[in-house]
Protein backbone atom coordinates (compact mmCIF):
# COMPACT_ATOMS: atom_id res chain seq x y z
CA MET A 1 -0.42 0.06 0.18
CA ALA A 2 1.10 3.58 -1.09
CA LEU A 3 -0.29 5.96 1.73
CA GLU A 4 0.46 9.67 -0.40
CA GLY A 5 -0.46 12.71 1.54
CA ASN A 6 0.61 15.79 4.01
CA LEU A 7 2.44 15.87 7.16
CA GLY A 8 -0.09 14.74 9.93
CA SER A 9 -2.64 14.23 7.30
CA GLY A 10 -3.33 10.28 8.56
CA LYS A 11 -1.02 8.22 6.89
CA THR A 12 0.35 7.27 10.23
CA ALA A 13 -2.47 6.70 12.27
CA PHE A 14 -4.01 4.58 8.95
CA THR A 15 -1.94 2.49 9.38
CA LYS A 16 -1.49 1.94 13.50
CA GLY A 17 -5.77 0.65 12.24
CA ILE A 18 -4.24 -1.39 9.80
CA ALA A 19 -2.02 -3.32 12.88
CA VAL A 20 -5.09 -3.51 15.60
CA ALA A 21 -7.04 -5.15 12.77
CA LEU A 22 -3.72 -7.55 12.26
CA GLY A 23 -3.90 -8.34 16.12
CA ILE A 24 -0.43 -6.50 16.68
CA ASP A 25 -0.69 -4.82 19.76
CA ASP A 26 3.27 -3.09 19.58
CA GLN A 27 2.66 0.95 19.59
CA ILE A 28 3.30 1.73 16.49
CA THR A 29 5.14 5.22 15.08
CA SER A 30 6.31 6.38 12.34
CA PRO A 31 9.36 5.39 11.33
CA THR A 32 10.16 8.54 10.38
CA PHE A 33 14.04 8.45 11.28
CA VAL A 34 14.52 5.03 10.79
CA ILE A 35 13.01 4.15 7.64
CA LEU A 36 11.62 0.76 8.54
CA LYS A 37 9.53 -1.51 11.30
CA ASN A 38 8.75 -4.36 10.78
CA TYR A 39 6.05 -5.36 13.48
CA THR A 40 5.18 -9.65 12.94
CA LEU A 41 1.91 -10.80 13.32
CA LYS A 42 0.95 -13.16 15.87
CA THR A 43 -1.43 -15.77 13.75
CA GLN A 44 -0.37 -18.61 13.58
CA ASN A 45 -3.76 -19.51 11.04
CA SER A 46 -2.87 -16.93 8.48
CA LYS A 47 -0.08 -17.17 5.41
CA LEU A 48 0.69 -13.20 6.31
CA LYS A 49 3.42 -12.96 8.61
CA SER A 50 4.47 -9.49 9.33
CA LEU A 51 3.13 -5.53 8.42
CA VAL A 52 5.88 -3.67 6.97
CA HIS A 53 5.46 -0.08 7.91
CA ILE A 54 8.20 2.14 5.51
CA ASP A 55 8.86 6.04 5.55
CA CYS A 56 10.41 7.43 2.45
CA TYR A 57 10.18 10.94 3.66
CA ARG A 58 13.69 11.75 4.00
CA ILE A 59 15.04 8.44 0.98
CA SER A 60 15.63 9.06 -2.30
CA GLU A 61 15.49 5.88 -4.30
CA GLU A 62 18.56 5.45 -4.36
CA ASP A 63 19.25 5.91 -0.84
CA ALA A 64 16.00 3.21 -0.70
CA GLU A 65 17.75 0.21 -3.34
CA ALA A 66 20.60 0.88 -1.50
CA VAL A 67 19.34 -0.29 1.89
CA GLY A 68 17.48 -2.96 0.57
CA LEU A 69 13.96 -0.96 0.72
CA SER A 70 12.80 -3.43 -2.94
CA GLU A 71 13.22 -7.02 -1.35
CA TYR A 72 10.45 -5.95 1.13
CA LEU A 73 8.28 -4.02 -1.47
CA GLU A 74 8.53 -7.94 -3.09
CA LEU A 75 7.97 -10.41 -0.43
CA LYS A 76 4.69 -11.77 -0.91
CA ASN A 77 2.96 -12.96 2.75
CA ASN A 78 2.85 -9.40 4.20
CA ILE A 79 0.86 -6.11 4.31
CA THR A 80 3.87 -3.48 3.43
CA VAL A 81 2.56 -0.11 3.56
CA VAL A 82 4.28 3.24 2.38
CA GLU A 83 4.62 6.22 3.22
CA TRP A 84 6.00 8.94 1.33
CA PRO A 85 5.47 6.95 -1.88
CA GLU A 86 6.52 9.78 -4.73
CA ASN A 87 10.16 9.55 -3.03
CA ILE A 88 10.34 5.68 -4.57
CA LYS A 89 7.48 5.66 -7.59
CA SER A 90 9.92 3.60 -10.01
CA LEU A 91 10.58 0.81 -7.11
CA LEU A 92 7.53 0.74 -5.79
CA PRO A 93 5.66 -2.76 -8.21
CA LYS A 94 2.57 -2.63 -10.44
CA ARG A 95 0.29 -4.21 -7.41
CA THR A 96 0.62 -1.36 -5.37
CA LYS A 97 -1.97 0.05 -3.69
CA HIS A 98 -2.54 3.77 -3.42
CA ILE A 99 -4.30 5.77 -0.92
CA LYS A 100 -4.17 9.67 -1.02
CA PHE A 101 -5.54 11.34 2.46
CA GLU A 102 -6.65 15.40 2.84
CA HIS A 103 -6.22 17.07 6.33
CA LEU A 104 -9.72 18.87 6.25
CA GLY A 105 -10.30 20.08 9.33
CA GLU A 106 -8.62 19.39 13.28
CA ASN A 107 -10.33 15.78 13.53
CA LYS A 108 -12.05 15.21 9.96
CA ARG A 109 -9.91 12.74 6.85
CA LYS A 110 -10.56 12.57 3.41
CA ILE A 111 -9.51 8.71 1.64
CA VAL A 112 -9.34 8.16 -1.49
CA ILE A 113 -8.26 4.99 -3.19
CA LEU A 114 -6.65 5.25 -5.89
């Protein structure tokens, strides 16, 4: 999933919701400075193994390639969520689902699945 939108538009909050739905009880925070966080699913009866949360706000495509992000983007048994996907556009798989967030007010967001 590629989550597009300005700072404060709800991308990380959306990822927290995905984590809750998957039964992940870890605290989900933006990986802006660490770039990637991997949360293992505790459910044994699922084909899914983990939630991978990537934040590309501070990196370029070249940086992403250098640290191996493209390998995470291709994993089939994970849900991978990428914030700021426009910074690594050419690395995203064709199957990537794009979701755009718009901040409309203190407690109001517009979410569009592209």
